[in-house]
Amino acid sequence: MLPGKVKNHRSIVFIVWLAVLCLGGPALLSPARAALAPETFADLAQNLSPAVVNISAEKVVKTRERMREFFGPSPFGGRGDPLKDFFDKFFGDIPREHKQRSLGSGFIVDAQGTLLTNNHVIEGADKIKVKLAGGKEYKVTVKGRDPKTDLAILKIEGGGPFPFLSLGDSDAIRVGDWVIAVGNPFGLSHTVTQGIISAKGRVIGAGPYDNFLQTDAAINPGNSGGPLVNLKGEVVGINTAIVATGQGIGFAIPSNVAKTIIPQLMEKGKVVRGMLGVQVQTVTAELAKSFGLDEARGALVAEVNPGTPAQQAGLQRGDIIIEFNGIPVKEMHELPRLVAGTAPGTKATLKVLRQGKEKTFSLTVAELKEEKTARVPEDRTEEPLIGLTVENLDPNLARQLGLKESEGVVVVRVTPGSTAAEAGLRAGDLILEINGKAVKTVQDYRTLVAALTKDSHARFLIKRQGHTLFFTVEVPAK
């Protein structure tokens, strides 16, 4: 019996070993793999904390209150209140001030006390203080801010040398790598949390240069501006945002983004970016089909601004940019980052698709200027055809929208639940084209919409708050 038991035992061991091997045995059994999960983060946290600061920002907010509010409600009440009229006429509004405080985090990047944090932590602040791990407080000055990437550089006044953290290579970090976050959540000084990199290259709508690292390391209000660090103790991200309704979904600005702008913030106090002079949008599957493409890729040129490098080089509306200086542009949001990171005055080459054929253009990158926004007109009542109510552009509407055009058709109402609403059109949009044909009057609009094939998609070109965009609108079967 004994030999039989031994034989069965060996068979069981073999089967278990075989199962482990089939499920990824070498990877599971490898000591190197097991070593990736540290037994403790204590030493790393201890080394990081001295260079992490808590930031307290204070600003004075001015408000105005009615004098009658200090005396309570009038005994007369209602409209035509004589006491109300008296105070409004002779006292009007009384200015009042109160202090608004916010808390955030930051970290020191050199021995001289240079700090990196989020712009939104200190924006508009009249007074800023930082507290180090030992409890010592310092005043700081703002050296530079960049709202587009939400980064700011501060300088500690006096003291030093200071402990500091080095910026690592955020491109080298991989999804699944361990990271820890250090910050000041809800005012709880030098809180340490751990997790992994959940994703890279996230676009969350925070700005034109979104390229966030996503992490499940716990990040809460007050963590903003604090470091996200790899196991080598290098900063790979600056903690910036969270999904308020989710858990374990935080976002950090990659360290390589910070590396490119810190020198400019230190030297100029702001970031100077490159500009082509085009307004671009995502190439959706529907738009790709309407342009005769096999796949959705590149950045669709919705508008070429006059007098810009793009216009001078010969780019046209409807071109799809697929390459910038030899770097493929797979998605629209990649192009603004590539161009912004190119110094003004630099020669650049673009490869575009025009009517299905590749063309190459050369231009000189210009400096990006700030854009102005425009107001949107009020809704109207009529609801014709595919769910849009439109009106001819007149000087009054043009002034409200900040438009230079003297003709066109403005959307004044979008019917809720209509195909136009589902496509994303909204009141205030100026319709320029439908399926490549110009729309100059309401009659043009009606003629072109009436000619659309049922149960198909129409391509609309519109201008919205200074930006030109393409939309595909489904034409109902009935």
Protein backbone atom coordinates (compact mmCIF):
# COMPACT_ATOMS: atom_id res chain seq x y z
CA MET A 1 0.00 0.00 0.00
CA LEU A 2 2.82 2.35 0.80
CA PRO A 3 4.26 2.38 -2.74
CA GLY A 4 0.80 3.08 -4.13
CA LYS A 5 0.30 6.04 -1.80
CA VAL A 6 3.68 7.44 -2.72
CA LYS A 7 2.86 7.09 -6.38
CA ASN A 8 -0.48 8.87 -5.95
CA HIS A 9 1.16 11.61 -3.93
CA ARG A 10 3.74 12.17 -6.66
CA SER A 11 0.97 12.32 -9.25
CA ILE A 12 -0.85 15.00 -7.27
CA VAL A 13 2.35 17.04 -6.92
CA PHE A 14 2.97 16.75 -10.65
CA ILE A 15 -0.57 17.84 -11.50
CA VAL A 16 -0.32 20.85 -9.19
CA TRP A 17 3.06 21.80 -10.66
CA LEU A 18 1.68 21.44 -14.19
CA ALA A 19 -1.34 23.64 -13.35
CA VAL A 20 0.91 26.37 -11.95
CA LEU A 21 3.08 26.18 -15.05
CA CYS A 22 0.08 26.47 -17.38
CA LEU A 23 -1.25 29.48 -15.46
CA GLY A 24 2.01 31.35 -15.90
CA GLY A 25 4.32 29.32 -13.74
CA PRO A 26 7.66 31.03 -14.43
CA ALA A 27 6.16 34.45 -13.77
CA LEU A 28 4.36 33.30 -10.62
CA LEU A 29 7.29 31.36 -9.21
CA SER A 30 10.01 33.88 -10.10
CA PRO A 31 11.69 35.41 -6.98
CA ALA A 32 12.29 38.60 -9.00
CA ARG A 33 8.55 38.92 -9.61
CA ALA A 34 7.73 38.38 -5.96
CA ALA A 35 10.25 41.06 -4.99
CA LEU A 36 8.24 43.69 -6.88
CA ALA A 37 5.78 43.84 -4.00
CA PRO A 38 7.69 45.52 -1.12
CA GLU A 39 7.19 44.33 2.42
CA THR A 40 6.90 47.94 3.61
CA PHE A 41 6.92 51.49 2.27
CA ALA A 42 8.14 52.88 5.60
CA ASP A 43 11.71 53.74 4.60
CA LEU A 44 10.58 55.40 1.39
CA ALA A 45 7.89 57.43 3.16
CA GLN A 46 10.40 58.52 5.80
CA ASN A 47 12.81 59.76 3.16
CA LEU A 48 10.14 61.62 1.19
CA SER A 49 8.28 63.48 3.92
CA PRO A 50 10.94 66.15 4.73
CA ALA A 51 10.72 67.51 1.16
CA VAL A 52 6.89 67.62 1.07
CA VAL A 53 5.17 70.79 2.30
CA ASN A 54 1.68 71.75 3.34
CA ILE A 55 0.49 74.92 1.61
CA SER A 56 -1.93 77.42 3.14
CA ALA A 57 -3.22 80.06 0.72
CA GLU A 58 -5.29 83.05 1.80
CA LYS A 59 -7.12 85.62 -0.27
CA VAL A 60 -9.52 88.45 0.49
CA VAL A 61 -12.92 88.09 -1.19
CA LYS A 62 -14.99 91.22 -1.62
CA THR A 63 -18.80 91.06 -1.58
CA ARG A 64 -21.57 93.64 -1.48
CA GLU A 65 -24.61 93.51 0.78
CA ARG A 66 -27.73 95.62 0.98
CA MET A 67 -27.95 98.00 3.97
CA ARG A 68 -31.46 96.74 4.79
CA GLU A 69 -30.06 93.27 5.49
CA PHE A 70 -28.50 94.63 8.67
CA PHE A 71 -31.92 95.68 9.97
CA GLY A 72 -33.90 92.55 9.11
CA PRO A 73 -37.14 92.39 7.09
CA SER A 74 -39.32 95.45 6.70
CA PRO A 75 -42.67 95.50 8.54
CA PHE A 76 -44.31 96.65 5.30
CA GLY A 77 -43.13 93.74 3.10
CA GLY A 78 -44.11 93.01 -0.47
CA ARG A 79 -43.54 95.11 -3.56
CA GLY A 80 -43.34 98.87 -3.18
CA ASP A 81 -41.83 98.46 0.28
CA PRO A 82 -41.07 102.07 1.37
CA LEU A 83 -38.33 101.02 3.81
CA LYS A 84 -36.65 98.95 1.10
CA ASP A 85 -36.83 101.83 -1.36
CA PHE A 86 -35.41 104.23 1.24
CA PHE A 87 -32.36 102.10 2.00
CA ASP A 88 -31.74 101.26 -1.65
CA LYS A 89 -31.84 104.92 -2.63
CA PHE A 90 -29.74 106.45 0.12
CA PHE A 91 -27.42 103.62 1.17
CA GLY A 92 -27.27 101.19 -1.74
CA ASP A 93 -24.77 98.35 -1.45
CA ILE A 94 -22.22 98.13 1.35
CA PRO A 95 -18.88 96.55 0.45
CA ARG A 96 -17.74 93.78 2.77
CA GLU A 97 -14.64 91.62 2.84
CA HIS A 98 -13.86 88.19 4.19
CA LYS A 99 -10.83 85.96 4.06
CA GLN A 100 -10.97 82.71 2.12
CA ARG A 101 -8.44 80.01 2.92
CA SER A 102 -7.48 76.90 1.01
CA LEU A 103 -5.12 74.02 1.75
CA GLY A 104 -2.92 72.07 -0.61
CA SER A 105 0.39 70.32 -0.97
CA GLY A 106 3.69 70.81 -2.74
CA PHE A 107 7.24 69.55 -2.76
CA ILE A 108 10.74 71.03 -2.88
CA VAL A 109 12.71 70.40 -6.08
CA ASP A 110 16.10 71.92 -5.18
CA ALA A 111 18.23 72.78 -2.14
CA GLN A 112 17.48 76.51 -2.55
CA GLY A 113 13.80 75.97 -1.67
CA THR A 114 12.10 75.97 -5.06
CA LEU A 115 8.63 74.43 -4.75
CA LEU A 116 6.36 72.77 -7.30
CA THR A 117 2.59 72.66 -6.77
CA ASN A 118 -0.72 73.06 -8.62
CA ASN A 119 -1.71 76.47 -9.91
CA HIS A 120 -5.24 76.06 -8.55
CA VAL A 121 -3.84 75.71 -5.02
CA ILE A 122 -2.40 79.23 -4.97
CA GLU A 123 -4.30 81.07 -7.73
CA GLY A 124 -5.50 84.49 -6.62
CA ALA A 125 -3.91 84.16 -3.17
CA ASP A 126 -2.78 87.30 -1.35
CA LYS A 127 -0.73 85.41 1.23
CA ILE A 128 0.89 81.97 0.99
CA LYS A 129 2.63 80.00 3.73
CA VAL A 130 4.20 76.56 3.69
CA LYS A 131 4.83 74.19 6.56
CA LEU A 132 7.53 71.52 6.51
CA ALA A 133 7.36 68.12 8.16
CA GLY A 134 9.03 69.42 11.32
CA GLY A 135 6.33 72.07 11.73
CA LYS A 136 8.45 75.06 10.70
CA GLU A 137 6.60 77.64 8.59
CA TYR A 138 7.95 79.83 5.80
CA LYS A 139 6.59 82.57 3.58
CA VAL A 140 6.92 82.03 -0.16
CA THR A 141 6.85 84.07 -3.34
CA VAL A 142 5.27 82.99 -6.60
CA LYS A 143 7.89 82.67 -9.33
CA GLY A 144 5.58 81.55 -12.13
CA ARG A 145 2.20 80.02 -12.94
CA ASP A 146 0.79 78.07 -15.86
CA PRO A 147 -3.00 77.63 -15.72
CA LYS A 148 -3.04 75.48 -18.87
CA THR A 149 -1.10 72.67 -17.20
CA ASP A 150 -2.17 73.69 -13.65
CA LEU A 151 1.39 73.99 -12.39
CA ALA A 152 3.06 76.71 -10.34
CA ILE A 153 6.57 77.40 -9.03
CA LEU A 154 7.10 78.97 -5.59
CA LYS A 155 10.26 80.03 -3.76
CA ILE A 156 10.74 79.72 0.00
CA GLU A 157 11.92 82.98 1.55
CA GLY A 158 15.03 82.46 3.67
CA GLY A 159 16.44 79.32 5.25
CA GLY A 160 18.08 76.39 3.52
CA PRO A 161 19.60 74.28 2.31
CA PHE A 162 16.41 72.24 2.01
CA PRO A 163 15.78 68.54 1.41
CA PHE A 164 14.37 68.01 -2.08
CA LEU A 165 12.96 65.41 -4.43
CA SER A 166 14.14 64.59 -7.94
CA LEU A 167 11.83 64.42 -10.94
CA GLY A 168 11.88 60.98 -12.54
CA ASP A 169 10.95 59.79 -16.03
CA SER A 170 7.16 59.54 -16.18
CA ASP A 171 7.36 57.99 -19.65
CA ALA A 172 9.18 55.01 -18.13
CA ILE A 173 6.54 54.28 -15.50
CA ARG A 174 4.31 51.37 -16.44
CA VAL A 175 0.69 50.54 -15.75
CA GLY A 176 0.78 48.32 -12.67
CA ASP A 177 3.94 49.87 -11.15
CA TRP A 178 3.83 50.75 -7.45
CA VAL A 179 3.58 54.42 -6.45
CA ILE A 180 2.97 56.34 -3.23
CA ALA A 181 1.38 59.74 -2.70
CA VAL A 182 2.31 62.20 0.04
CA GLY A 183 0.21 65.24 0.85
CA ASN A 184 -2.14 67.18 3.08
CA PRO A 185 -5.64 65.68 2.55
CA PHE A 186 -8.30 67.53 4.57
CA GLY A 187 -5.48 69.25 6.47
CA LEU A 188 -4.03 65.95 7.75
CA SER A 189 -0.34 66.75 7.49
CA HIS A 190 2.02 64.46 5.57
CA THR A 191 -0.40 61.64 4.89
CA VAL A 192 1.10 58.74 2.91
CA THR A 193 -0.96 56.45 0.67
CA GLN A 194 0.09 53.70 -1.73
CA GLY A 195 -1.25 52.17 -4.91
CA ILE A 196 -0.35 51.50 -8.53
CA ILE A 197 -0.42 53.33 -11.84
CA SER A 198 -3.86 52.44 -13.21
CA ALA A 199 -3.53 54.04 -16.65
CA LYS A 200 -1.51 56.57 -18.65
CA GLY A 201 -2.38 59.34 -21.09
CA ARG A 202 -5.79 60.06 -19.59
CA VAL A 203 -7.76 62.98 -21.09
CA ILE A 204 -10.24 64.27 -18.50
CA GLY A 205 -11.19 67.66 -19.96
CA ALA A 206 -9.11 69.69 -17.52
CA GLY A 207 -7.31 71.62 -20.28
CA PRO A 208 -5.92 71.54 -23.81
CA TYR A 209 -2.84 69.54 -22.82
CA ASP A 210 -4.41 66.73 -20.80
CA ASN A 211 -2.08 63.76 -20.44
CA PHE A 212 -2.65 62.46 -16.93
CA LEU A 213 -1.37 59.47 -15.05
CA GLN A 214 -4.23 57.64 -13.33
CA THR A 215 -3.62 56.01 -9.95
CA ASP A 216 -5.58 54.17 -7.30
CA ALA A 217 -3.38 55.60 -4.51
CA ALA A 218 -5.83 57.46 -2.30
CA ILE A 219 -5.96 61.16 -3.26
CA ASN A 220 -8.35 63.59 -1.56
CA PRO A 221 -8.92 67.36 -1.34
CA GLY A 222 -5.69 68.83 0.01
CA ASN A 223 -3.48 66.35 -1.86
CA SER A 224 -3.36 68.70 -4.84
CA GLY A 225 0.20 69.63 -5.71
CA GLY A 226 1.77 66.77 -3.77
CA PRO A 227 4.15 64.22 -5.29
CA LEU A 228 3.35 60.82 -6.76
CA VAL A 229 6.56 58.83 -6.31
CA ASN A 230 7.96 55.55 -7.68
CA LEU A 231 9.82 52.98 -5.58
CA LYS A 232 13.15 54.67 -6.38
CA GLY A 233 11.95 57.81 -4.60
CA GLU A 234 11.60 59.77 -7.87
CA VAL A 235 8.60 61.99 -8.51
CA VAL A 236 6.70 60.70 -11.55
CA GLY A 237 3.58 62.83 -11.13
CA ILE A 238 2.03 65.84 -9.44
CA ASN A 239 -1.31 64.90 -7.86
CA THR A 240 -4.00 67.13 -9.31
CA ALA A 241 -7.55 65.79 -9.62
CA ILE A 242 -9.97 63.11 -8.51
CA VAL A 243 -13.30 61.70 -9.66
CA ALA A 244 -15.56 62.92 -6.87
CA THR A 245 -18.13 60.14 -7.33
CA GLY A 246 -15.57 57.34 -7.61
CA GLN A 247 -13.08 55.57 -5.40
CA GLY A 248 -9.47 54.91 -6.27
CA ILE A 249 -9.55 57.17 -9.33
CA GLY A 250 -6.99 59.96 -9.03
CA PHE A 251 -4.99 61.84 -11.64
CA ALA A 252 -1.46 63.27 -11.66
CA ILE A 253 0.40 65.51 -14.10
CA PRO A 254 3.36 63.52 -15.50
CA SER A 255 6.76 64.67 -14.25
CA ASN A 256 8.04 64.99 -17.82
CA VAL A 257 5.42 67.69 -18.43
CA ALA A 258 6.72 69.59 -15.41
CA LYS A 259 10.32 69.24 -16.60
CA THR A 260 9.53 71.07 -19.83
CA ILE A 261 7.90 74.09 -18.20
CA ILE A 262 9.85 74.60 -14.93
CA PRO A 263 12.75 76.43 -16.65
CA GLN A 264 10.35 78.86 -18.36
CA LEU A 265 8.40 79.49 -15.16
CA MET A 266 11.63 80.20 -13.31
CA GLU A 267 12.98 82.51 -16.01
CA LYS A 268 9.87 84.22 -17.41
CA GLY A 269 7.11 83.51 -14.89
CA LYS A 270 4.98 82.02 -17.66
CA VAL A 271 5.15 79.44 -20.43
CA VAL A 272 5.62 80.41 -24.08
CA ARG A 273 4.09 77.83 -26.41
CA GLY A 274 4.13 77.12 -30.10
CA MET A 275 1.14 77.63 -32.38
CA LEU A 276 0.17 76.54 -35.90
CA GLY A 277 -3.02 78.55 -36.29
CA VAL A 278 -5.50 75.72 -36.72
CA GLN A 279 -8.49 74.62 -34.70
CA VAL A 280 -8.67 70.84 -34.58
CA GLN A 281 -11.08 68.19 -33.38
CA THR A 282 -11.32 64.44 -32.96
CA VAL A 283 -11.85 62.28 -36.04
CA THR A 284 -14.80 60.11 -35.04
CA ALA A 285 -15.76 56.95 -36.89
CA GLU A 286 -18.66 58.82 -38.53
CA LEU A 287 -16.43 61.72 -39.61
CA ALA A 288 -13.80 59.32 -40.93
CA LYS A 289 -16.44 57.64 -43.06
CA SER A 290 -17.71 60.97 -44.35
CA PHE A 291 -14.16 61.85 -45.45
CA GLY A 292 -13.72 58.46 -47.11
CA LEU A 293 -11.19 57.10 -44.59
CA ASP A 294 -10.86 53.46 -43.56
CA GLU A 295 -10.10 54.32 -39.92
CA ALA A 296 -10.44 57.19 -37.48
CA ARG A 297 -7.04 58.80 -36.88
CA GLY A 298 -5.27 62.16 -36.81
CA ALA A 299 -6.48 65.66 -35.97
CA LEU A 300 -9.21 67.14 -38.17
CA VAL A 301 -8.66 70.78 -39.14
CA ALA A 302 -11.96 72.56 -38.48
CA GLU A 303 -10.62 76.08 -39.05
CA VAL A 304 -7.45 77.74 -40.37
CA ASN A 305 -6.95 81.13 -38.77
CA PRO A 306 -5.95 83.91 -41.18
CA GLY A 307 -2.42 85.27 -41.03
CA THR A 308 -1.09 82.22 -39.18
CA PRO A 309 1.68 79.78 -40.17
CA ALA A 310 -0.91 77.16 -41.12
CA GLN A 311 -2.71 79.56 -43.47
CA GLN A 312 0.54 80.74 -45.01
CA ALA A 313 1.68 77.15 -45.54
CA GLY A 314 -1.54 76.26 -47.38
CA LEU A 315 -3.45 74.11 -44.91
CA GLN A 316 -7.20 73.96 -45.47
CA ARG A 317 -10.32 73.22 -43.52
CA GLY A 318 -11.01 69.49 -43.74
CA ASP A 319 -7.33 68.48 -43.79
CA ILE A 320 -6.49 65.69 -41.35
CA ILE A 321 -3.07 66.10 -39.73
CA ILE A 322 -1.50 62.66 -39.27
CA GLU A 323 2.12 63.59 -38.53
CA PHE A 324 4.04 66.47 -36.90
CA ASN A 325 7.82 66.65 -37.34
CA GLY A 326 7.94 62.94 -38.07
CA ILE A 327 5.86 61.97 -35.01
CA PRO A 328 2.59 60.19 -35.85
CA VAL A 329 -0.60 61.88 -34.63
CA LYS A 330 -2.98 59.06 -33.81
CA GLU A 331 -5.47 61.08 -31.77
CA MET A 332 -6.45 64.73 -31.87
CA HIS A 333 -5.29 65.60 -28.33
CA GLU A 334 -1.72 64.56 -29.18
CA LEU A 335 -1.23 67.42 -31.67
CA PRO A 336 -1.73 70.39 -29.28
CA ARG A 337 0.86 68.92 -26.89
CA LEU A 338 3.38 68.39 -29.68
CA VAL A 339 2.94 71.89 -31.07
CA ALA A 340 2.86 73.58 -27.65
CA GLY A 341 6.17 71.94 -26.78
CA THR A 342 7.82 73.35 -29.90
CA ALA A 343 9.60 76.68 -29.44
CA PRO A 344 8.25 79.60 -31.51
CA GLY A 345 10.44 80.21 -34.56
CA THR A 346 11.13 76.50 -35.05
CA LYS A 347 10.75 74.96 -38.52
CA ALA A 348 8.20 72.14 -38.62
CA THR A 349 6.86 69.65 -41.16
CA LEU A 350 3.27 68.46 -41.28
CA LYS A 351 1.86 65.45 -43.08
CA VAL A 352 -1.87 65.65 -43.80
CA LEU A 353 -4.59 63.71 -45.55
CA ARG A 354 -6.52 65.82 -48.05
CA GLN A 355 -9.31 64.12 -49.94
CA GLY A 356 -7.71 60.77 -49.18
CA LYS A 357 -4.21 61.70 -50.41
CA GLU A 358 -1.13 62.47 -48.33
CA LYS A 359 0.42 65.94 -48.62
CA THR A 360 3.41 67.49 -46.82
CA PHE A 361 3.66 71.10 -45.63
CA SER A 362 6.51 73.08 -44.09
CA LEU A 363 6.01 76.05 -41.79
CA THR A 364 7.53 78.07 -38.96
CA VAL A 365 5.85 77.66 -35.57
CA ALA A 366 4.53 80.92 -34.10
CA GLU A 367 3.88 81.95 -30.49
CA LEU A 368 0.51 81.00 -28.99
CA LYS A 369 -1.63 83.94 -27.92
CA GLU A 370 -4.53 83.85 -25.50
CA GLU A 371 -7.97 83.54 -27.08
CA LYS A 372 -11.13 85.45 -26.25
CA THR A 373 -14.45 83.80 -25.50
CA ALA A 374 -17.87 84.93 -26.64
CA ARG A 375 -21.39 85.09 -25.22
CA VAL A 376 -24.22 82.90 -26.44
CA PRO A 377 -27.59 84.28 -27.58
CA GLU A 378 -30.85 83.33 -25.90
CA ASP A 379 -33.14 80.52 -27.13
CA ARG A 380 -36.10 81.09 -29.43
CA THR A 381 -39.20 79.00 -30.07
CA GLU A 382 -39.43 77.43 -33.54
CA GLU A 383 -38.43 73.75 -33.83
CA PRO A 384 -38.12 72.68 -37.50
CA LEU A 385 -36.78 69.54 -39.17
CA ILE A 386 -33.90 67.73 -37.42
CA GLY A 387 -34.31 69.61 -34.15
CA LEU A 388 -32.66 72.95 -34.87
CA THR A 389 -34.20 76.37 -34.76
CA VAL A 390 -32.05 78.78 -36.75
CA GLU A 391 -31.89 82.48 -37.49
CA ASN A 392 -29.98 84.67 -39.94
CA LEU A 393 -26.90 86.29 -38.47
CA ASP A 394 -27.34 90.02 -37.90
CA PRO A 395 -24.94 92.64 -36.50
CA ASN A 396 -26.43 92.34 -33.02
CA LEU A 397 -25.95 88.57 -32.86
CA ALA A 398 -22.50 88.90 -34.40
CA ARG A 399 -21.46 91.32 -31.64
CA GLN A 400 -22.85 89.05 -28.93
CA LEU A 401 -20.96 86.07 -30.32
CA GLY A 402 -17.78 88.00 -31.08
CA LEU A 403 -17.97 86.88 -34.72
CA LYS A 404 -16.23 88.61 -37.60
CA GLU A 405 -18.57 87.03 -40.14
CA SER A 406 -21.30 89.20 -41.57
CA GLU A 407 -23.50 86.37 -42.81
CA GLY A 408 -24.49 82.89 -41.78
CA VAL A 409 -27.08 81.02 -39.78
CA VAL A 410 -27.17 80.89 -35.98
CA VAL A 411 -28.73 78.10 -33.93
CA VAL A 412 -31.13 79.70 -31.45
CA ARG A 413 -32.68 76.50 -30.09
CA VAL A 414 -31.95 72.78 -30.07
CA THR A 415 -34.92 70.52 -29.43
CA PRO A 416 -34.20 68.24 -26.43
CA GLY A 417 -33.87 64.61 -27.47
CA SER A 418 -33.49 65.48 -31.15
CA THR A 419 -30.72 64.07 -33.36
CA ALA A 420 -29.08 67.51 -33.38
CA ALA A 421 -29.01 67.50 -29.57
CA GLU A 422 -27.56 63.98 -29.51
CA ALA A 423 -24.84 65.09 -31.95
CA GLY A 424 -23.80 67.88 -29.57
CA LEU A 425 -25.07 71.01 -31.36
CA ARG A 426 -26.31 73.79 -29.13
CA ALA A 427 -27.73 77.30 -29.11
CA GLY A 428 -25.20 79.90 -30.23
CA ASP A 429 -23.55 77.67 -32.85
CA LEU A 430 -23.01 79.42 -36.18
CA ILE A 431 -23.63 76.98 -39.03
CA LEU A 432 -21.07 77.48 -41.80
CA GLU A 433 -21.52 74.38 -43.95
CA ILE A 434 -23.65 71.29 -44.37
CA ASN A 435 -21.90 68.42 -46.16
CA GLY A 436 -19.29 70.82 -47.47
CA LYS A 437 -21.79 73.33 -48.91
CA ALA A 438 -21.92 76.87 -47.58
CA VAL A 439 -24.83 78.01 -45.43
CA LYS A 440 -25.24 81.77 -45.70
CA THR A 441 -28.97 82.20 -45.09
CA VAL A 442 -31.84 80.40 -43.43
CA GLN A 443 -33.10 79.53 -46.90
CA ASP A 444 -29.76 77.86 -47.68
CA TYR A 445 -30.10 75.87 -44.48
CA ARG A 446 -33.64 74.73 -45.28
CA THR A 447 -32.73 73.77 -48.82
CA LEU A 448 -29.70 71.72 -47.78
CA VAL A 449 -31.46 69.99 -44.88
CA ALA A 450 -34.49 69.17 -47.06
CA ALA A 451 -32.14 67.52 -49.57
CA LEU A 452 -30.53 65.23 -46.98
CA THR A 453 -30.98 61.52 -47.50
CA LYS A 454 -33.19 59.93 -44.88
CA ASP A 455 -31.61 57.47 -42.45
CA SER A 456 -28.11 58.87 -43.08
CA HIS A 457 -25.64 61.27 -41.45
CA ALA A 458 -25.01 64.91 -42.35
CA ARG A 459 -21.72 66.67 -41.66
CA PHE A 460 -22.18 70.13 -40.10
CA LEU A 461 -19.38 72.69 -39.84
CA ILE A 462 -20.08 75.19 -37.08
CA LYS A 463 -18.32 78.00 -35.21
CA ARG A 464 -18.63 77.99 -31.42
CA GLN A 465 -17.07 80.59 -29.14
CA GLY A 466 -14.28 81.29 -31.59
CA HIS A 467 -13.66 77.61 -32.42
CA THR A 468 -14.69 75.87 -35.62
CA LEU A 469 -15.88 72.26 -35.30
CA PHE A 470 -17.33 69.43 -37.38
CA PHE A 471 -20.37 67.45 -36.18
CA THR A 472 -22.21 64.52 -37.70
CA VAL A 473 -25.99 64.70 -37.29
CA GLU A 474 -28.20 61.69 -37.89
CA VAL A 475 -31.01 62.29 -40.39
CA PRO A 476 -34.07 60.41 -39.09
CA ALA A 477 -35.74 57.84 -41.33
CA LYS A 478 -39.10 59.50 -40.67
